Amino acid sequence: MRRFPKSSALAADWCIKAIKRLVEVCDICNRLHDETQKEPLMSHPAPCRRWQKVGVEMVTFADRQYLITVDYLSRLSGFFEIDRLSSTAASDITYYLKQHFTRHGLAEEVITDNST
C-alpha cells in the first residue's frame, strides 16, 4: 500500500503524478480525449497577501476523501494543505478549515466549486 509523503508540497506533487498516470492508461479518457470540449479558464487576480484568497476542493482518490486547500498567492510555488477526511460532513470540513485559518490567518475570500 502506498503512503503519502510527509510534506504537503510533496504530497500534492505525488497526487498530481498519480492522477496523470491513471488518466494515461484510462481507456475511456483516451477515447474521449479529442471529443472533450475545452472550457476557457477563469483567471483570478492575485491577492495582496498570503491566505487572503484560498481555494478549497474535496477530492476522492483511492476510495478516500481528501480536502485540498490552496493559497492563491502561493499556488505557483506548490503550497497545499491536504487533509484526509473521515467523512464529508460539514463539521469535519469546518474542523480542518478552522485549523488552517488559525495557523495562516483568516481568508477574506474562499473559492469552491460547491461540490457535495
N, C-alpha and C. Protein backbone atom coordinates (compact mmCIF):
# COMPACT_ATOMS: atom_id res chain seq x y z
N MET A 1 0.83 -1.17 0.00
CA MET A 1 0.00 0.00 0.00
C MET A 1 0.88 1.24 0.00
N ARG A 2 0.59 2.19 -0.89
CA ARG A 2 1.37 3.41 -0.98
C ARG A 2 0.92 4.40 0.08
N ARG A 3 1.83 5.18 0.55
CA ARG A 3 1.53 6.22 1.54
C ARG A 3 1.96 7.56 0.98
N PHE A 4 1.25 8.62 1.43
CA PHE A 4 1.62 9.98 1.03
C PHE A 4 2.92 10.38 1.69
N PRO A 5 3.72 11.20 1.01
CA PRO A 5 4.89 11.77 1.65
C PRO A 5 4.46 12.68 2.80
N LYS A 6 5.35 12.93 3.76
CA LYS A 6 5.02 13.74 4.93
C LYS A 6 4.78 15.20 4.57
N SER A 7 5.51 15.75 3.63
CA SER A 7 5.40 17.15 3.26
C SER A 7 4.16 17.39 2.41
N SER A 8 3.42 18.47 2.68
CA SER A 8 2.23 18.79 1.89
C SER A 8 2.58 19.04 0.43
N ALA A 9 3.69 19.74 0.18
CA ALA A 9 4.09 20.02 -1.20
C ALA A 9 4.43 18.73 -1.94
N LEU A 10 5.13 17.82 -1.27
CA LEU A 10 5.46 16.54 -1.89
C LEU A 10 4.21 15.70 -2.11
N ALA A 11 3.28 15.78 -1.16
CA ALA A 11 2.04 15.02 -1.29
C ALA A 11 1.24 15.52 -2.49
N ALA A 12 1.19 16.84 -2.67
CA ALA A 12 0.46 17.40 -3.81
C ALA A 12 1.11 16.96 -5.12
N ASP A 13 2.43 17.00 -5.19
CA ASP A 13 3.15 16.56 -6.38
C ASP A 13 2.89 15.08 -6.64
N TRP A 14 2.90 14.27 -5.58
CA TRP A 14 2.64 12.84 -5.70
C TRP A 14 1.23 12.60 -6.23
N CYS A 15 0.23 13.35 -5.71
CA CYS A 15 -1.15 13.20 -6.16
C CYS A 15 -1.29 13.54 -7.64
N ILE A 16 -0.68 14.63 -8.06
CA ILE A 16 -0.76 15.05 -9.46
C ILE A 16 -0.17 13.99 -10.38
N LYS A 17 1.00 13.45 -10.00
CA LYS A 17 1.63 12.42 -10.82
C LYS A 17 0.78 11.15 -10.86
N ALA A 18 0.19 10.78 -9.72
CA ALA A 18 -0.64 9.58 -9.67
C ALA A 18 -1.88 9.74 -10.55
N ILE A 19 -2.49 10.91 -10.52
CA ILE A 19 -3.67 11.16 -11.33
C ILE A 19 -3.30 11.13 -12.81
N LYS A 20 -2.18 11.73 -13.18
CA LYS A 20 -1.74 11.72 -14.58
C LYS A 20 -1.52 10.28 -15.06
N ARG A 21 -0.91 9.43 -14.20
CA ARG A 21 -0.68 8.03 -14.58
C ARG A 21 -2.01 7.31 -14.80
N LEU A 22 -2.99 7.56 -13.92
CA LEU A 22 -4.29 6.92 -14.06
C LEU A 22 -4.98 7.34 -15.35
N VAL A 23 -4.93 8.63 -15.67
CA VAL A 23 -5.58 9.14 -16.89
C VAL A 23 -4.90 8.60 -18.13
N GLU A 24 -3.58 8.46 -18.11
CA GLU A 24 -2.84 7.97 -19.28
C GLU A 24 -3.26 6.55 -19.67
N VAL A 25 -3.63 5.72 -18.70
CA VAL A 25 -3.98 4.33 -19.01
C VAL A 25 -5.50 4.09 -19.04
N CYS A 26 -6.27 5.15 -18.85
CA CYS A 26 -7.73 5.04 -18.84
C CYS A 26 -8.25 4.96 -20.28
N ASP A 27 -8.90 3.84 -20.63
CA ASP A 27 -9.42 3.66 -21.99
C ASP A 27 -10.48 4.71 -22.33
N ILE A 28 -11.39 4.96 -21.42
CA ILE A 28 -12.46 5.93 -21.67
C ILE A 28 -11.86 7.34 -21.85
N CYS A 29 -10.92 7.70 -20.99
CA CYS A 29 -10.28 9.02 -21.08
C CYS A 29 -9.60 9.19 -22.43
N ASN A 30 -8.87 8.17 -22.87
CA ASN A 30 -8.16 8.25 -24.14
C ASN A 30 -9.11 8.29 -25.33
N ARG A 31 -10.21 7.55 -25.25
CA ARG A 31 -11.18 7.53 -26.34
C ARG A 31 -11.90 8.88 -26.47
N LEU A 32 -12.22 9.50 -25.33
CA LEU A 32 -12.98 10.74 -25.35
C LEU A 32 -12.11 12.00 -25.33
N HIS A 33 -10.80 11.83 -25.29
CA HIS A 33 -9.90 12.97 -25.16
C HIS A 33 -10.14 14.04 -26.22
N ASP A 34 -10.22 13.63 -27.50
CA ASP A 34 -10.40 14.59 -28.58
C ASP A 34 -11.81 15.16 -28.64
N GLU A 35 -12.78 14.42 -28.09
CA GLU A 35 -14.16 14.88 -28.12
C GLU A 35 -14.49 15.86 -27.00
N THR A 36 -13.66 15.90 -26.00
CA THR A 36 -13.92 16.75 -24.85
C THR A 36 -13.75 18.21 -25.23
N GLN A 37 -14.80 18.98 -24.98
CA GLN A 37 -14.75 20.40 -25.32
C GLN A 37 -13.93 21.15 -24.26
N LYS A 38 -13.05 21.99 -24.72
CA LYS A 38 -12.21 22.77 -23.81
C LYS A 38 -12.99 23.99 -23.34
N GLU A 39 -13.02 24.18 -22.05
CA GLU A 39 -13.65 25.35 -21.46
C GLU A 39 -12.59 26.40 -21.18
N PRO A 40 -12.90 27.67 -21.40
CA PRO A 40 -11.90 28.69 -21.08
C PRO A 40 -11.67 28.78 -19.57
N LEU A 41 -10.43 28.97 -19.20
CA LEU A 41 -10.10 29.10 -17.79
C LEU A 41 -10.50 30.48 -17.29
N MET A 42 -11.01 30.52 -16.07
CA MET A 42 -11.35 31.79 -15.45
C MET A 42 -10.19 32.18 -14.54
N SER A 43 -9.56 33.28 -14.87
CA SER A 43 -8.43 33.69 -14.04
C SER A 43 -8.91 34.59 -12.90
N HIS A 44 -8.17 34.57 -11.83
CA HIS A 44 -8.46 35.39 -10.67
C HIS A 44 -7.30 36.36 -10.47
N PRO A 45 -7.59 37.58 -10.10
CA PRO A 45 -6.48 38.49 -9.79
C PRO A 45 -5.71 37.99 -8.58
N ALA A 46 -4.40 38.20 -8.59
CA ALA A 46 -3.56 37.74 -7.47
C ALA A 46 -3.87 38.56 -6.22
N PRO A 47 -4.00 37.91 -5.07
CA PRO A 47 -4.23 38.65 -3.83
C PRO A 47 -2.96 39.39 -3.39
N CYS A 48 -3.13 40.31 -2.45
CA CYS A 48 -2.01 41.12 -1.96
C CYS A 48 -1.21 40.43 -0.87
N ARG A 49 -1.84 39.53 -0.13
CA ARG A 49 -1.15 38.87 0.97
C ARG A 49 -1.49 37.38 0.98
N ARG A 50 -0.65 36.61 1.67
CA ARG A 50 -0.89 35.17 1.78
C ARG A 50 -2.19 34.91 2.54
N TRP A 51 -2.88 33.89 2.13
CA TRP A 51 -4.13 33.43 2.74
C TRP A 51 -5.23 34.49 2.72
N GLN A 52 -5.12 35.47 1.83
CA GLN A 52 -6.21 36.42 1.62
C GLN A 52 -7.32 35.73 0.82
N LYS A 53 -6.91 34.94 -0.18
CA LYS A 53 -7.85 34.20 -1.01
C LYS A 53 -7.37 32.75 -1.07
N VAL A 54 -8.27 31.81 -0.75
CA VAL A 54 -7.90 30.40 -0.80
C VAL A 54 -8.92 29.63 -1.63
N GLY A 55 -8.46 28.54 -2.21
CA GLY A 55 -9.32 27.63 -2.94
C GLY A 55 -9.45 26.34 -2.13
N VAL A 56 -10.66 25.79 -2.10
CA VAL A 56 -10.93 24.56 -1.35
C VAL A 56 -11.61 23.57 -2.28
N GLU A 57 -11.14 22.34 -2.25
CA GLU A 57 -11.67 21.29 -3.12
C GLU A 57 -11.73 19.97 -2.36
N MET A 58 -12.83 19.24 -2.51
CA MET A 58 -12.91 17.88 -1.98
C MET A 58 -12.60 16.93 -3.11
N VAL A 59 -11.72 15.96 -2.86
CA VAL A 59 -11.26 15.04 -3.89
C VAL A 59 -11.36 13.61 -3.36
N THR A 60 -11.80 12.71 -4.21
CA THR A 60 -11.77 11.28 -3.88
C THR A 60 -10.61 10.66 -4.63
N PHE A 61 -9.76 9.97 -3.89
CA PHE A 61 -8.61 9.29 -4.50
C PHE A 61 -8.42 7.97 -3.77
N ALA A 62 -8.39 6.88 -4.51
CA ALA A 62 -8.23 5.53 -3.96
C ALA A 62 -9.29 5.27 -2.88
N ASP A 63 -10.55 5.62 -3.19
CA ASP A 63 -11.69 5.41 -2.29
C ASP A 63 -11.56 6.15 -0.96
N ARG A 64 -10.79 7.20 -0.93
CA ARG A 64 -10.66 8.02 0.28
C ARG A 64 -10.95 9.47 -0.08
N GLN A 65 -11.55 10.18 0.87
CA GLN A 65 -11.89 11.59 0.66
C GLN A 65 -10.79 12.49 1.22
N TYR A 66 -10.43 13.51 0.47
CA TYR A 66 -9.42 14.47 0.90
C TYR A 66 -9.96 15.88 0.72
N LEU A 67 -9.53 16.77 1.59
CA LEU A 67 -9.81 18.18 1.48
C LEU A 67 -8.51 18.87 1.10
N ILE A 68 -8.49 19.54 -0.04
CA ILE A 68 -7.30 20.24 -0.50
C ILE A 68 -7.57 21.73 -0.40
N THR A 69 -6.70 22.43 0.29
CA THR A 69 -6.81 23.88 0.46
C THR A 69 -5.54 24.51 -0.09
N VAL A 70 -5.71 25.49 -0.97
CA VAL A 70 -4.54 26.13 -1.59
C VAL A 70 -4.66 27.64 -1.46
N ASP A 71 -3.55 28.26 -1.12
CA ASP A 71 -3.44 29.71 -1.04
C ASP A 71 -3.21 30.24 -2.45
N TYR A 72 -4.04 31.17 -2.91
CA TYR A 72 -3.93 31.68 -4.28
C TYR A 72 -2.62 32.42 -4.54
N LEU A 73 -2.05 33.05 -3.53
CA LEU A 73 -0.79 33.75 -3.72
C LEU A 73 0.36 32.76 -3.85
N SER A 74 0.31 31.67 -3.11
CA SER A 74 1.41 30.69 -3.08
C SER A 74 1.18 29.53 -4.03
N ARG A 75 0.10 29.52 -4.79
CA ARG A 75 -0.25 28.33 -5.58
C ARG A 75 0.81 27.96 -6.60
N LEU A 76 1.53 28.94 -7.12
CA LEU A 76 2.55 28.62 -8.11
C LEU A 76 3.77 27.95 -7.49
N SER A 77 3.97 28.18 -6.19
CA SER A 77 5.10 27.54 -5.52
C SER A 77 4.71 26.17 -4.99
N GLY A 78 3.46 25.76 -5.20
CA GLY A 78 3.04 24.41 -4.83
C GLY A 78 2.68 24.25 -3.37
N PHE A 79 2.18 25.31 -2.71
CA PHE A 79 1.79 25.19 -1.30
C PHE A 79 0.35 24.75 -1.20
N PHE A 80 0.14 23.54 -0.68
CA PHE A 80 -1.18 22.98 -0.50
C PHE A 80 -1.30 22.44 0.92
N GLU A 81 -2.50 22.49 1.46
CA GLU A 81 -2.83 21.76 2.69
C GLU A 81 -3.72 20.60 2.24
N ILE A 82 -3.34 19.38 2.56
CA ILE A 82 -4.12 18.20 2.19
C ILE A 82 -4.49 17.45 3.45
N ASP A 83 -5.80 17.25 3.63
CA ASP A 83 -6.31 16.57 4.82
C ASP A 83 -7.17 15.39 4.40
N ARG A 84 -6.93 14.25 5.01
CA ARG A 84 -7.77 13.08 4.76
C ARG A 84 -9.01 13.21 5.64
N LEU A 85 -10.18 13.11 5.01
CA LEU A 85 -11.44 13.28 5.72
C LEU A 85 -11.99 11.93 6.18
N SER A 86 -12.48 11.89 7.42
CA SER A 86 -13.15 10.67 7.88
C SER A 86 -14.57 10.62 7.35
N SER A 87 -15.14 11.80 7.06
CA SER A 87 -16.45 11.90 6.41
C SER A 87 -16.52 13.24 5.69
N THR A 88 -17.55 13.41 4.89
CA THR A 88 -17.71 14.68 4.18
C THR A 88 -18.72 15.58 4.87
N ALA A 89 -18.96 15.33 6.13
CA ALA A 89 -19.88 16.16 6.90
C ALA A 89 -19.31 17.57 7.04
N ALA A 90 -20.19 18.54 7.06
CA ALA A 90 -19.77 19.94 7.18
C ALA A 90 -18.92 20.16 8.42
N SER A 91 -19.22 19.45 9.49
CA SER A 91 -18.45 19.62 10.74
C SER A 91 -16.99 19.19 10.56
N ASP A 92 -16.75 18.14 9.79
CA ASP A 92 -15.37 17.69 9.54
C ASP A 92 -14.61 18.70 8.68
N ILE A 93 -15.26 19.21 7.65
CA ILE A 93 -14.62 20.18 6.77
C ILE A 93 -14.34 21.47 7.53
N THR A 94 -15.31 21.91 8.33
CA THR A 94 -15.13 23.11 9.15
C THR A 94 -13.98 22.95 10.12
N TYR A 95 -13.84 21.76 10.69
CA TYR A 95 -12.75 21.50 11.64
C TYR A 95 -11.39 21.76 10.98
N TYR A 96 -11.18 21.20 9.79
CA TYR A 96 -9.89 21.37 9.11
C TYR A 96 -9.67 22.81 8.64
N LEU A 97 -10.73 23.45 8.13
CA LEU A 97 -10.57 24.83 7.69
C LEU A 97 -10.25 25.76 8.87
N LYS A 98 -10.85 25.51 10.02
CA LYS A 98 -10.53 26.31 11.21
C LYS A 98 -9.06 26.14 11.59
N GLN A 99 -8.55 24.92 11.48
CA GLN A 99 -7.13 24.68 11.76
C GLN A 99 -6.24 25.49 10.81
N HIS A 100 -6.56 25.47 9.52
CA HIS A 100 -5.78 26.21 8.53
C HIS A 100 -5.82 27.71 8.80
N PHE A 101 -7.02 28.24 9.07
CA PHE A 101 -7.16 29.67 9.28
C PHE A 101 -6.53 30.11 10.59
N THR A 102 -6.51 29.25 11.58
CA THR A 102 -5.82 29.56 12.83
C THR A 102 -4.32 29.63 12.59
N ARG A 103 -3.81 28.72 11.78
CA ARG A 103 -2.38 28.65 11.50
C ARG A 103 -1.90 29.77 10.57
N HIS A 104 -2.69 30.10 9.54
CA HIS A 104 -2.23 31.00 8.49
C HIS A 104 -2.92 32.37 8.47
N GLY A 105 -4.01 32.52 9.17
CA GLY A 105 -4.78 33.76 9.15
C GLY A 105 -6.09 33.56 8.42
N LEU A 106 -7.05 34.38 8.75
CA LEU A 106 -8.40 34.26 8.19
C LEU A 106 -8.43 34.75 6.75
N ALA A 107 -9.00 33.96 5.87
CA ALA A 107 -9.12 34.33 4.46
C ALA A 107 -10.27 35.30 4.27
N GLU A 108 -10.08 36.25 3.37
CA GLU A 108 -11.15 37.18 3.01
C GLU A 108 -12.09 36.54 1.99
N GLU A 109 -11.56 35.63 1.20
CA GLU A 109 -12.35 35.00 0.13
C GLU A 109 -11.98 33.53 0.03
N VAL A 110 -13.01 32.68 -0.04
CA VAL A 110 -12.82 31.24 -0.20
C VAL A 110 -13.52 30.83 -1.49
N ILE A 111 -12.77 30.21 -2.39
CA ILE A 111 -13.28 29.78 -3.70
C ILE A 111 -13.48 28.27 -3.67
N THR A 112 -14.71 27.83 -4.01
CA THR A 112 -15.01 26.40 -4.12
C THR A 112 -15.81 26.18 -5.40
N ASP A 113 -16.01 24.89 -5.73
CA ASP A 113 -16.89 24.59 -6.86
C ASP A 113 -18.23 24.06 -6.35
N ASN A 114 -18.50 24.25 -5.06
CA ASN A 114 -19.75 23.83 -4.42
C ASN A 114 -19.98 22.33 -4.52
N SER A 115 -18.88 21.55 -4.46
CA SER A 115 -19.03 20.10 -4.56
C SER A 115 -19.73 19.56 -3.33
N THR A 116 -20.39 18.42 -3.51
CA THR A 116 -21.10 17.80 -2.39
C THR A 116 -20.53 16.43 -2.13
